PDB file of all heavy atoms in Angstrom:
ATOM      1  N   LEU A   1       0.849  -1.188   0.000  1.00  0.00           N
ATOM      2  CA  LEU A   1       0.000   0.000   0.000  1.00  0.00           C
ATOM      3  C   LEU A   1       0.884   1.237   0.000  1.00  0.00           C
ATOM      4  O   LEU A   1       1.788   1.350   0.822  1.00  0.00           O
ATOM      5  CB  LEU A   1      -0.904   0.023   1.238  1.00  0.00           C
ATOM      6  CG  LEU A   1      -1.725  -1.229   1.541  1.00  0.00           C
ATOM      7  CD1 LEU A   1      -2.428  -1.086   2.877  1.00  0.00           C
ATOM      8  CD2 LEU A   1      -2.723  -1.480   0.428  1.00  0.00           C
ATOM      9  N   VAL A   2       0.614   2.156  -0.909  1.00  0.00           N
ATOM     10  CA  VAL A   2       1.412   3.372  -1.017  1.00  0.00           C
ATOM     11  C   VAL A   2       0.484   4.571  -1.095  1.00  0.00           C
ATOM     12  O   VAL A   2      -0.281   4.715  -2.052  1.00  0.00           O
ATOM     13  CB  VAL A   2       2.342   3.342  -2.242  1.00  0.00           C
ATOM     14  CG1 VAL A   2       3.149   4.640  -2.320  1.00  0.00           C
ATOM     15  CG2 VAL A   2       3.279   2.147  -2.175  1.00  0.00           C
ATOM     16  N   GLU A   3       0.577   5.436  -0.096  1.00  0.00           N
ATOM     17  CA  GLU A   3      -0.251   6.634  -0.060  1.00  0.00           C
ATOM     18  C   GLU A   3       0.428   7.783  -0.799  1.00  0.00           C
ATOM     19  O   GLU A   3       1.653   7.896  -0.808  1.00  0.00           O
ATOM     20  CB  GLU A   3      -0.523   7.068   1.386  1.00  0.00           C
ATOM     21  CG  GLU A   3      -1.187   6.013   2.252  1.00  0.00           C
ATOM     22  CD  GLU A   3      -0.200   5.192   3.054  1.00  0.00           C
ATOM     23  OE1 GLU A   3       0.962   5.049   2.614  1.00  0.00           O
ATOM     24  OE2 GLU A   3      -0.585   4.695   4.133  1.00  0.00           O
ATOM     25  N   SER A   4      -0.384   8.655  -1.359  1.00  0.00           N
ATOM     26  CA  SER A   4       0.113   9.860  -1.991  1.00  0.00           C
ATOM     27  C   SER A   4      -0.955  10.941  -1.907  1.00  0.00           C
ATOM     28  O   SER A   4      -2.112  10.661  -1.596  1.00  0.00           O
ATOM     29  CB  SER A   4       0.512   9.615  -3.450  1.00  0.00           C
ATOM     30  OG  SER A   4      -0.621   9.245  -4.226  1.00  0.00           O
ATOM     31  N   GLY A   5      -0.560  12.162  -2.194  1.00  0.00           N
ATOM     32  CA  GLY A   5      -1.503  13.264  -2.241  1.00  0.00           C
ATOM     33  C   GLY A   5      -1.456  14.202  -1.055  1.00  0.00           C
ATOM     34  O   GLY A   5      -2.116  15.247  -1.066  1.00  0.00           O
ATOM     35  N   GLY A   6      -0.702  13.854  -0.044  1.00  0.00           N
ATOM     36  CA  GLY A   6      -0.592  14.725   1.102  1.00  0.00           C
ATOM     37  C   GLY A   6       0.214  15.964   0.779  1.00  0.00           C
ATOM     38  O   GLY A   6       0.874  16.057  -0.253  1.00  0.00           O
ATOM     39  N   GLY A   7       0.146  16.917   1.675  1.00  0.00           N
ATOM     40  CA  GLY A   7       0.875  18.147   1.477  1.00  0.00           C
ATOM     41  C   GLY A   7       0.391  19.227   2.404  1.00  0.00           C
ATOM     42  O   GLY A   7      -0.310  18.969   3.383  1.00  0.00           O
ATOM     43  N   LEU A   8       0.762  20.436   2.079  1.00  0.00           N
ATOM     44  CA  LEU A   8       0.394  21.609   2.860  1.00  0.00           C
ATOM     45  C   LEU A   8      -0.751  22.331   2.176  1.00  0.00           C
ATOM     46  O   LEU A   8      -0.693  22.608   0.970  1.00  0.00           O
ATOM     47  CB  LEU A   8       1.594  22.538   3.008  1.00  0.00           C
ATOM     48  CG  LEU A   8       1.369  23.867   3.717  1.00  0.00           C
ATOM     49  CD1 LEU A   8       0.984  23.636   5.174  1.00  0.00           C
ATOM     50  CD2 LEU A   8       2.613  24.731   3.614  1.00  0.00           C
ATOM     51  N   VAL A   9      -1.780  22.640   2.935  1.00  0.00           N
ATOM     52  CA  VAL A   9      -2.935  23.325   2.385  1.00  0.00           C
ATOM     53  C   VAL A   9      -3.470  24.316   3.410  1.00  0.00           C
ATOM     54  O   VAL A   9      -3.350  24.107   4.615  1.00  0.00           O
ATOM     55  CB  VAL A   9      -4.030  22.310   1.967  1.00  0.00           C
ATOM     56  CG1 VAL A   9      -4.587  21.585   3.185  1.00  0.00           C
ATOM     57  CG2 VAL A   9      -5.141  22.995   1.191  1.00  0.00           C
ATOM     58  N   GLN A  10      -4.042  25.381   2.913  1.00  0.00           N
ATOM     59  CA  GLN A  10      -4.642  26.388   3.783  1.00  0.00           C
ATOM     60  C   GLN A  10      -5.975  25.897   4.318  1.00  0.00           C
ATOM     61  O   GLN A  10      -6.682  25.120   3.668  1.00  0.00           O
ATOM     62  CB  GLN A  10      -4.835  27.694   3.004  1.00  0.00           C
ATOM     63  CG  GLN A  10      -5.269  28.885   3.848  1.00  0.00           C
ATOM     64  CD  GLN A  10      -4.139  29.492   4.646  1.00  0.00           C
ATOM     65  OE1 GLN A  10      -2.971  29.187   4.421  1.00  0.00           O
ATOM     66  NE2 GLN A  10      -4.481  30.354   5.585  1.00  0.00           N
ATOM     67  N   ALA A  11      -6.316  26.326   5.512  1.00  0.00           N
ATOM     68  CA  ALA A  11      -7.612  25.984   6.084  1.00  0.00           C
ATOM     69  C   ALA A  11      -8.730  26.354   5.119  1.00  0.00           C
ATOM     70  O   ALA A  11      -8.713  27.426   4.512  1.00  0.00           O
ATOM     71  CB  ALA A  11      -7.813  26.686   7.418  1.00  0.00           C
ATOM     72  N   GLY A  12      -9.690  25.459   5.002  1.00  0.00           N
ATOM     73  CA  GLY A  12     -10.777  25.646   4.061  1.00  0.00           C
ATOM     74  C   GLY A  12     -10.533  25.027   2.705  1.00  0.00           C
ATOM     75  O   GLY A  12     -11.470  24.911   1.905  1.00  0.00           O
ATOM     76  N   GLY A  13      -9.318  24.618   2.455  1.00  0.00           N
ATOM     77  CA  GLY A  13      -8.976  24.017   1.181  1.00  0.00           C
ATOM     78  C   GLY A  13      -9.286  22.540   1.130  1.00  0.00           C
ATOM     79  O   GLY A  13      -9.875  21.965   2.052  1.00  0.00           O
ATOM     80  N   SER A  14      -8.868  21.917   0.041  1.00  0.00           N
ATOM     81  CA  SER A  14      -9.155  20.506  -0.196  1.00  0.00           C
ATOM     82  C   SER A  14      -7.897  19.757  -0.619  1.00  0.00           C
ATOM     83  O   SER A  14      -6.977  20.332  -1.194  1.00  0.00           O
ATOM     84  CB  SER A  14     -10.213  20.344  -1.291  1.00  0.00           C
ATOM     85  OG  SER A  14     -11.438  20.948  -0.924  1.00  0.00           O
ATOM     86  N   LEU A  15      -7.890  18.487  -0.317  1.00  0.00           N
ATOM     87  CA  LEU A  15      -6.860  17.573  -0.786  1.00  0.00           C
ATOM     88  C   LEU A  15      -7.513  16.253  -1.146  1.00  0.00           C
ATOM     89  O   LEU A  15      -8.543  15.886  -0.572  1.00  0.00           O
ATOM     90  CB  LEU A  15      -5.788  17.320   0.278  1.00  0.00           C
ATOM     91  CG  LEU A  15      -4.739  18.393   0.534  1.00  0.00           C
ATOM     92  CD1 LEU A  15      -3.883  17.988   1.731  1.00  0.00           C
ATOM     93  CD2 LEU A  15      -3.877  18.610  -0.692  1.00  0.00           C
ATOM     94  N   ARG A  16      -6.898  15.552  -2.070  1.00  0.00           N
ATOM     95  CA  ARG A  16      -7.349  14.221  -2.423  1.00  0.00           C
ATOM     96  C   ARG A  16      -6.190  13.257  -2.237  1.00  0.00           C
ATOM     97  O   ARG A  16      -5.159  13.372  -2.910  1.00  0.00           O
ATOM     98  CB  ARG A  16      -7.856  14.162  -3.863  1.00  0.00           C
ATOM     99  CG  ARG A  16      -8.504  12.827  -4.235  1.00  0.00           C
ATOM    100  CD  ARG A  16      -9.105  12.869  -5.634  1.00  0.00           C
ATOM    101  NE  ARG A  16      -9.782  11.631  -5.983  1.00  0.00           N
ATOM    102  CZ  ARG A  16     -11.044  11.368  -5.710  1.00  0.00           C
ATOM    103  NH1 ARG A  16     -11.799  12.271  -5.089  1.00  0.00           N
ATOM    104  NH2 ARG A  16     -11.587  10.205  -6.075  1.00  0.00           N
ATOM    105  N   LEU A  17      -6.351  12.333  -1.326  1.00  0.00           N
ATOM    106  CA  LEU A  17      -5.349  11.319  -1.071  1.00  0.00           C
ATOM    107  C   LEU A  17      -5.672  10.061  -1.859  1.00  0.00           C
ATOM    108  O   LEU A  17      -6.839   9.717  -2.045  1.00  0.00           O
ATOM    109  CB  LEU A  17      -5.288  10.975   0.419  1.00  0.00           C
ATOM    110  CG  LEU A  17      -5.105  12.131   1.397  1.00  0.00           C
ATOM    111  CD1 LEU A  17      -5.010  11.593   2.816  1.00  0.00           C
ATOM    112  CD2 LEU A  17      -3.883  12.959   1.037  1.00  0.00           C
ATOM    113  N   SER A  18      -4.632   9.387  -2.303  1.00  0.00           N
ATOM    114  CA  SER A  18      -4.808   8.139  -3.018  1.00  0.00           C
ATOM    115  C   SER A  18      -3.956   7.051  -2.392  1.00  0.00           C
ATOM    116  O   SER A  18      -2.824   7.293  -1.990  1.00  0.00           O
ATOM    117  CB  SER A  18      -4.425   8.292  -4.494  1.00  0.00           C
ATOM    118  OG  SER A  18      -5.332   9.125  -5.177  1.00  0.00           O
ATOM    119  N   CYS A  19      -4.514   5.875  -2.316  1.00  0.00           N
ATOM    120  CA  CYS A  19      -3.798   4.702  -1.844  1.00  0.00           C
ATOM    121  C   CYS A  19      -3.670   3.740  -3.012  1.00  0.00           C
ATOM    122  O   CYS A  19      -4.672   3.152  -3.444  1.00  0.00           O
ATOM    123  CB  CYS A  19      -4.541   4.052  -0.678  1.00  0.00           C
ATOM    124  SG  CYS A  19      -3.803   2.513  -0.086  1.00  0.00           S
ATOM    125  N   ALA A  20      -2.463   3.621  -3.528  1.00  0.00           N
ATOM    126  CA  ALA A  20      -2.197   2.682  -4.606  1.00  0.00           C
ATOM    127  C   ALA A  20      -1.894   1.318  -4.017  1.00  0.00           C
ATOM    128  O   ALA A  20      -1.102   1.190  -3.079  1.00  0.00           O
ATOM    129  CB  ALA A  20      -1.028   3.171  -5.453  1.00  0.00           C
ATOM    130  N   VAL A  21      -2.511   0.304  -4.567  1.00  0.00           N
ATOM    131  CA  VAL A  21      -2.408  -1.046  -4.036  1.00  0.00           C
ATOM    132  C   VAL A  21      -1.767  -1.946  -5.081  1.00  0.00           C
ATOM    133  O   VAL A  21      -2.146  -1.924  -6.249  1.00  0.00           O
ATOM    134  CB  VAL A  21      -3.790  -1.582  -3.623  1.00  0.00           C
ATOM    135  CG1 VAL A  21      -3.656  -2.937  -2.943  1.00  0.00           C
ATOM    136  CG2 VAL A  21      -4.494  -0.594  -2.711  1.00  0.00           C
ATOM    137  N   ALA A  22      -0.792  -2.740  -4.646  1.00  0.00           N
ATOM    138  CA  ALA A  22      -0.035  -3.581  -5.565  1.00  0.00           C
ATOM    139  C   ALA A  22      -0.798  -4.827  -6.006  1.00  0.00           C
ATOM    140  O   ALA A  22      -0.405  -5.479  -6.970  1.00  0.00           O
ATOM    141  CB  ALA A  22       1.299  -3.980  -4.937  1.00  0.00           C
ATOM    142  N   ILE A  23      -1.840  -5.170  -5.312  1.00  0.00           N
ATOM    143  CA  ILE A  23      -2.738  -6.235  -5.715  1.00  0.00           C
ATOM    144  C   ILE A  23      -4.121  -5.632  -5.878  1.00  0.00           C
ATOM    145  O   ILE A  23      -4.326  -4.448  -5.595  1.00  0.00           O
ATOM    146  CB  ILE A  23      -2.759  -7.388  -4.693  1.00  0.00           C
ATOM    147  CG1 ILE A  23      -3.197  -6.880  -3.322  1.00  0.00           C
ATOM    148  CG2 ILE A  23      -1.386  -8.044  -4.612  1.00  0.00           C
ATOM    149  CD1 ILE A  23      -3.337  -7.962  -2.272  1.00  0.00           C
ATOM    150  N   SER A  24      -5.068  -6.427  -6.322  1.00  0.00           N
ATOM    151  CA  SER A  24      -6.414  -5.898  -6.492  1.00  0.00           C
ATOM    152  C   SER A  24      -6.948  -5.343  -5.182  1.00  0.00           C
ATOM    153  O   SER A  24      -6.835  -5.974  -4.132  1.00  0.00           O
ATOM    154  CB  SER A  24      -7.350  -6.986  -7.008  1.00  0.00           C
ATOM    155  OG  SER A  24      -8.689  -6.531  -7.026  1.00  0.00           O
ATOM    156  N   ILE A  25      -7.529  -4.156  -5.243  1.00  0.00           N
ATOM    157  CA  ILE A  25      -8.123  -3.581  -4.041  1.00  0.00           C
ATOM    158  C   ILE A  25      -9.249  -4.467  -3.514  1.00  0.00           C
ATOM    159  O   ILE A  25      -9.560  -4.426  -2.326  1.00  0.00           O
ATOM    160  CB  ILE A  25      -8.644  -2.149  -4.279  1.00  0.00           C
ATOM    161  CG1 ILE A  25      -9.672  -2.116  -5.418  1.00  0.00           C
ATOM    162  CG2 ILE A  25      -7.482  -1.201  -4.547  1.00  0.00           C
ATOM    163  CD1 ILE A  25     -10.288  -0.749  -5.640  1.00  0.00           C
ATOM    164  N   GLN A  26      -9.817  -5.267  -4.371  1.00  0.00           N
ATOM    165  CA  GLN A  26     -10.906  -6.153  -3.967  1.00  0.00           C
ATOM    166  C   GLN A  26     -10.408  -7.393  -3.227  1.00  0.00           C
ATOM    167  O   GLN A  26     -11.217  -8.195  -2.766  1.00  0.00           O
ATOM    168  CB  GLN A  26     -11.747  -6.557  -5.174  1.00  0.00           C
ATOM    169  CG  GLN A  26     -12.464  -5.392  -5.840  1.00  0.00           C
ATOM    170  CD  GLN A  26     -13.510  -4.759  -4.943  1.00  0.00           C
ATOM    171  OE1 GLN A  26     -13.171  -3.952  -4.053  1.00  0.00           O
ATOM    172  NE2 GLN A  26     -14.769  -5.104  -5.138  1.00  0.00           N
ATOM    173  N   PHE A  27      -9.089  -7.536  -3.136  1.00  0.00           N
ATOM    174  CA  PHE A  27      -8.531  -8.584  -2.299  1.00  0.00           C
ATOM    175  C   PHE A  27      -8.946  -8.395  -0.846  1.00  0.00           C
ATOM    176  O   PHE A  27      -9.112  -9.371  -0.110  1.00  0.00           O
ATOM    177  CB  PHE A  27      -6.999  -8.580  -2.422  1.00  0.00           C
ATOM    178  CG  PHE A  27      -6.293  -9.512  -1.475  1.00  0.00           C
ATOM    179  CD1 PHE A  27      -6.155 -10.853  -1.772  1.00  0.00           C
ATOM    180  CD2 PHE A  27      -5.745  -9.040  -0.291  1.00  0.00           C
ATOM    181  CE1 PHE A  27      -5.495 -11.716  -0.916  1.00  0.00           C
ATOM    182  CE2 PHE A  27      -5.082  -9.888   0.576  1.00  0.00           C
ATOM    183  CZ  PHE A  27      -4.955 -11.232   0.264  1.00  0.00           C
ATOM    184  N   PHE A  28      -9.106  -7.140  -0.450  1.00  0.00           N
ATOM    185  CA  PHE A  28      -9.411  -6.812   0.935  1.00  0.00           C
ATOM    186  C   PHE A  28     -10.908  -6.739   1.172  1.00  0.00           C
ATOM    187  O   PHE A  28     -11.657  -6.194   0.362  1.00  0.00           O
ATOM    188  CB  PHE A  28      -8.764  -5.485   1.322  1.00  0.00           C
ATOM    189  CG  PHE A  28      -7.273  -5.494   1.212  1.00  0.00           C
ATOM    190  CD1 PHE A  28      -6.636  -4.885   0.149  1.00  0.00           C
ATOM    191  CD2 PHE A  28      -6.506  -6.127   2.172  1.00  0.00           C
ATOM    192  CE1 PHE A  28      -5.261  -4.904   0.043  1.00  0.00           C
ATOM    193  CE2 PHE A  28      -5.128  -6.151   2.081  1.00  0.00           C
ATOM    194  CZ  PHE A  28      -4.504  -5.541   1.015  1.00  0.00           C
ATOM    195  N   ASP A  29     -11.330  -7.277   2.294  1.00  0.00           N
ATOM    196  CA  ASP A  29     -12.734  -7.158   2.683  1.00  0.00           C
ATOM    197  C   ASP A  29     -13.082  -5.701   2.966  1.00  0.00           C
ATOM    198  O   ASP A  29     -14.164  -5.229   2.613  1.00  0.00           O
ATOM    199  CB  ASP A  29     -13.019  -8.018   3.912  1.00  0.00           C
ATOM    200  CG  ASP A  29     -12.899  -9.493   3.629  1.00  0.00           C
ATOM    201  OD1 ASP A  29     -13.791 -10.035   2.951  1.00  0.00           O
ATOM    202  OD2 ASP A  29     -11.900 -10.097   4.068  1.00  0.00           O
ATOM    203  N   THR A  30     -12.158  -5.008   3.625  1.00  0.00           N
ATOM    204  CA  THR A  30     -12.353  -3.614   3.958  1.00  0.00           C
ATOM    205  C   THR A  30     -11.056  -2.852   3.728  1.00  0.00           C
ATOM    206  O   THR A  30      -9.975  -3.325   4.086  1.00  0.00           O
ATOM    207  CB  THR A  30     -12.786  -3.444   5.427  1.00  0.00           C
ATOM    208  OG1 THR A  30     -13.982  -4.187   5.669  1.00  0.00           O
ATOM    209  CG2 THR A  30     -13.037  -1.974   5.753  1.00  0.00           C
ATOM    210  N   MET A  31     -11.170  -1.680   3.147  1.00  0.00           N
ATOM    211  CA  MET A  31     -10.038  -0.774   3.065  1.00  0.00           C
ATOM    212  C   MET A  31     -10.422   0.520   3.752  1.00  0.00           C
ATOM    213  O   MET A  31     -11.592   0.891   3.796  1.00  0.00           O
ATOM    214  CB  MET A  31      -9.624  -0.526   1.621  1.00  0.00           C
ATOM    215  CG  MET A  31      -9.179  -1.786   0.910  1.00  0.00           C
ATOM    216  SD  MET A  31      -8.093  -1.440  -0.503  1.00  0.00           S
ATOM    217  CE  MET A  31      -6.615  -0.857   0.357  1.00  0.00           C
ATOM    218  N   GLY A  32      -9.421   1.186   4.279  1.00  0.00           N
ATOM    219  CA  GLY A  32      -9.734   2.393   5.010  1.00  0.00           C
ATOM    220  C   GLY A  32      -8.595   3.374   5.067  1.00  0.00           C
ATOM    221  O   GLY A  32      -7.443   3.066   4.741  1.00  0.00           O
ATOM    222  N   TRP A  33      -8.949   4.567   5.468  1.00  0.00           N
ATOM    223  CA  TRP A  33      -7.998   5.614   5.768  1.00  0.00           C
ATOM    224  C   TRP A  33      -8.048   5.901   7.258  1.00  0.00           C
ATOM    225  O   TRP A  33      -9.131   6.037   7.840  1.00  0.00           O
ATOM    226  CB  TRP A  33      -8.302   6.889   4.979  1.00  0.00           C
ATOM    227  CG  TRP A  33      -7.884   6.823   3.546  1.00  0.00           C
ATOM    228  CD1 TRP A  33      -8.640   6.466   2.478  1.00  0.00           C
ATOM    229  CD2 TRP A  33      -6.578   7.134   3.043  1.00  0.00           C
ATOM    230  NE1 TRP A  33      -7.901   6.530   1.323  1.00  0.00           N
ATOM    231  CE2 TRP A  33      -6.636   6.941   1.645  1.00  0.00           C
ATOM    232  CE3 TRP A  33      -5.392   7.559   3.629  1.00  0.00           C
ATOM    233  CZ2 TRP A  33      -5.526   7.156   0.823  1.00  0.00           C
ATOM    234  CZ3 TRP A  33      -4.288   7.771   2.812  1.00  0.00           C
ATOM    235  CH2 TRP A  33      -4.368   7.570   1.426  1.00  0.00           C
ATOM    236  N   TYR A  34      -6.889   5.972   7.847  1.00  0.00           N
ATOM    237  CA  TYR A  34      -6.724   6.316   9.249  1.00  0.00           C
ATOM    238  C   TYR A  34      -5.796   7.510   9.346  1.00  0.00           C
ATOM    239  O   TYR A  34      -5.076   7.823   8.408  1.00  0.00           O
ATOM    240  CB  TYR A  34      -6.138   5.141  10.033  1.00  0.00           C
ATOM    241  CG  TYR A  34      -7.048   3.937  10.133  1.00  0.00           C
ATOM    242  CD1 TYR A  34      -7.306   3.139   9.025  1.00  0.00           C
ATOM    243  CD2 TYR A  34      -7.638   3.595  11.347  1.00  0.00           C
ATOM    244  CE1 TYR A  34      -8.132   2.032   9.116  1.00  0.00           C
ATOM    245  CE2 TYR A  34      -8.460   2.487  11.444  1.00  0.00           C
ATOM    246  CZ  TYR A  34      -8.698   1.715  10.330  1.00  0.00           C
ATOM    247  OH  TYR A  34      -9.520   0.621  10.436  1.00  0.00           O
ATOM    248  N   ARG A  35      -5.806   8.157  10.492  1.00  0.00           N
ATOM    249  CA  ARG A  35      -4.875   9.256  10.683  1.00  0.00           C
ATOM    250  C   ARG A  35      -4.364   9.274  12.111  1.00  0.00           C
ATOM    251  O   ARG A  35      -5.026   8.821  13.033  1.00  0.00           O
ATOM    252  CB  ARG A  35      -5.511  10.602  10.324  1.00  0.00           C
ATOM    253  CG  ARG A  35      -6.602  11.076  11.273  1.00  0.00           C
ATOM    254  CD  ARG A  35      -7.220  12.368  10.748  1.00  0.00           C
ATOM    255  NE  ARG A  35      -8.194  12.926  11.670  1.00  0.00           N
ATOM    256  CZ  ARG A  35      -8.923  13.999  11.413  1.00  0.00           C
ATOM    257  NH1 ARG A  35      -8.793  14.637  10.246  1.00  0.00           N
ATOM    258  NH2 ARG A  35      -9.793  14.445  12.310  1.00  0.00           N
ATOM    259  N   GLN A  36      -3.183   9.815  12.253  1.00  0.00           N
ATOM    260  CA  GLN A  36      -2.556   9.913  13.555  1.00  0.00           C
ATOM    261  C   GLN A  36      -1.870  11.268  13.680  1.00  0.00           C
ATOM    262  O   GLN A  36      -0.914  11.559  12.962  1.00  0.00           O
ATOM    263  CB  GLN A  36      -1.545   8.787  13.766  1.00  0.00           C
ATOM    264  CG  GLN A  36      -0.959   8.747  15.156  1.00  0.00           C
ATOM    265  CD  GLN A  36      -0.172   7.471  15.405  1.00  0.00           C
ATOM    266  OE1 GLN A  36       0.281   6.813  14.469  1.00  0.00           O
ATOM    267  NE2 GLN A  36      -0.020   7.106  16.665  1.00  0.00           N
ATOM    268  N   ALA A  37      -2.380  12.078  14.578  1.00  0.00           N
ATOM    269  CA  ALA A  37      -1.785  13.370  14.867  1.00  0.00           C
ATOM    270  C   ALA A  37      -0.730  13.196  15.953  1.00  0.00           C
ATOM    271  O   ALA A  37      -0.755  12.221  16.710  1.00  0.00           O
ATOM    272  CB  ALA A  37      -2.855  14.361  15.314  1.00  0.00           C
ATOM    273  N   PRO A  38       0.205  14.128  16.052  1.00  0.00           N
ATOM    274  CA  PRO A  38       1.239  14.016  17.088  1.00  0.00           C
ATOM    275  C   PRO A  38       0.637  13.857  18.481  1.00  0.00           C
ATOM    276  O   PRO A  38      -0.245  14.621  18.875  1.00  0.00           O
ATOM    277  CB  PRO A  38       2.001  15.330  16.958  1.00  0.00           C
ATOM    278  CG  PRO A  38       1.817  15.722  15.531  1.00  0.00           C
ATOM    279  CD  PRO A  38       0.415  15.296  15.191  1.00  0.00           C
ATOM    280  N   GLY A  39       1.109  12.866  19.206  1.00  0.00           N
ATOM    281  CA  GLY A  39       0.636  12.619  20.552  1.00  0.00           C
ATOM    282  C   GLY A  39      -0.742  11.995  20.648  1.00  0.00           C
ATOM    283  O   GLY A  39      -1.277  11.872  21.754  1.00  0.00           O
TER     284      GLY A  39
END
């Protein structure tokens, strides 16, 4: 799994993240996005 699309954006703006998968995405029962802020 390889994520891309992150970066710096101003409040109110938009970003689109993509997760490229080396096998079929349908291999997984569930796929998701998680996040972890400092602390």
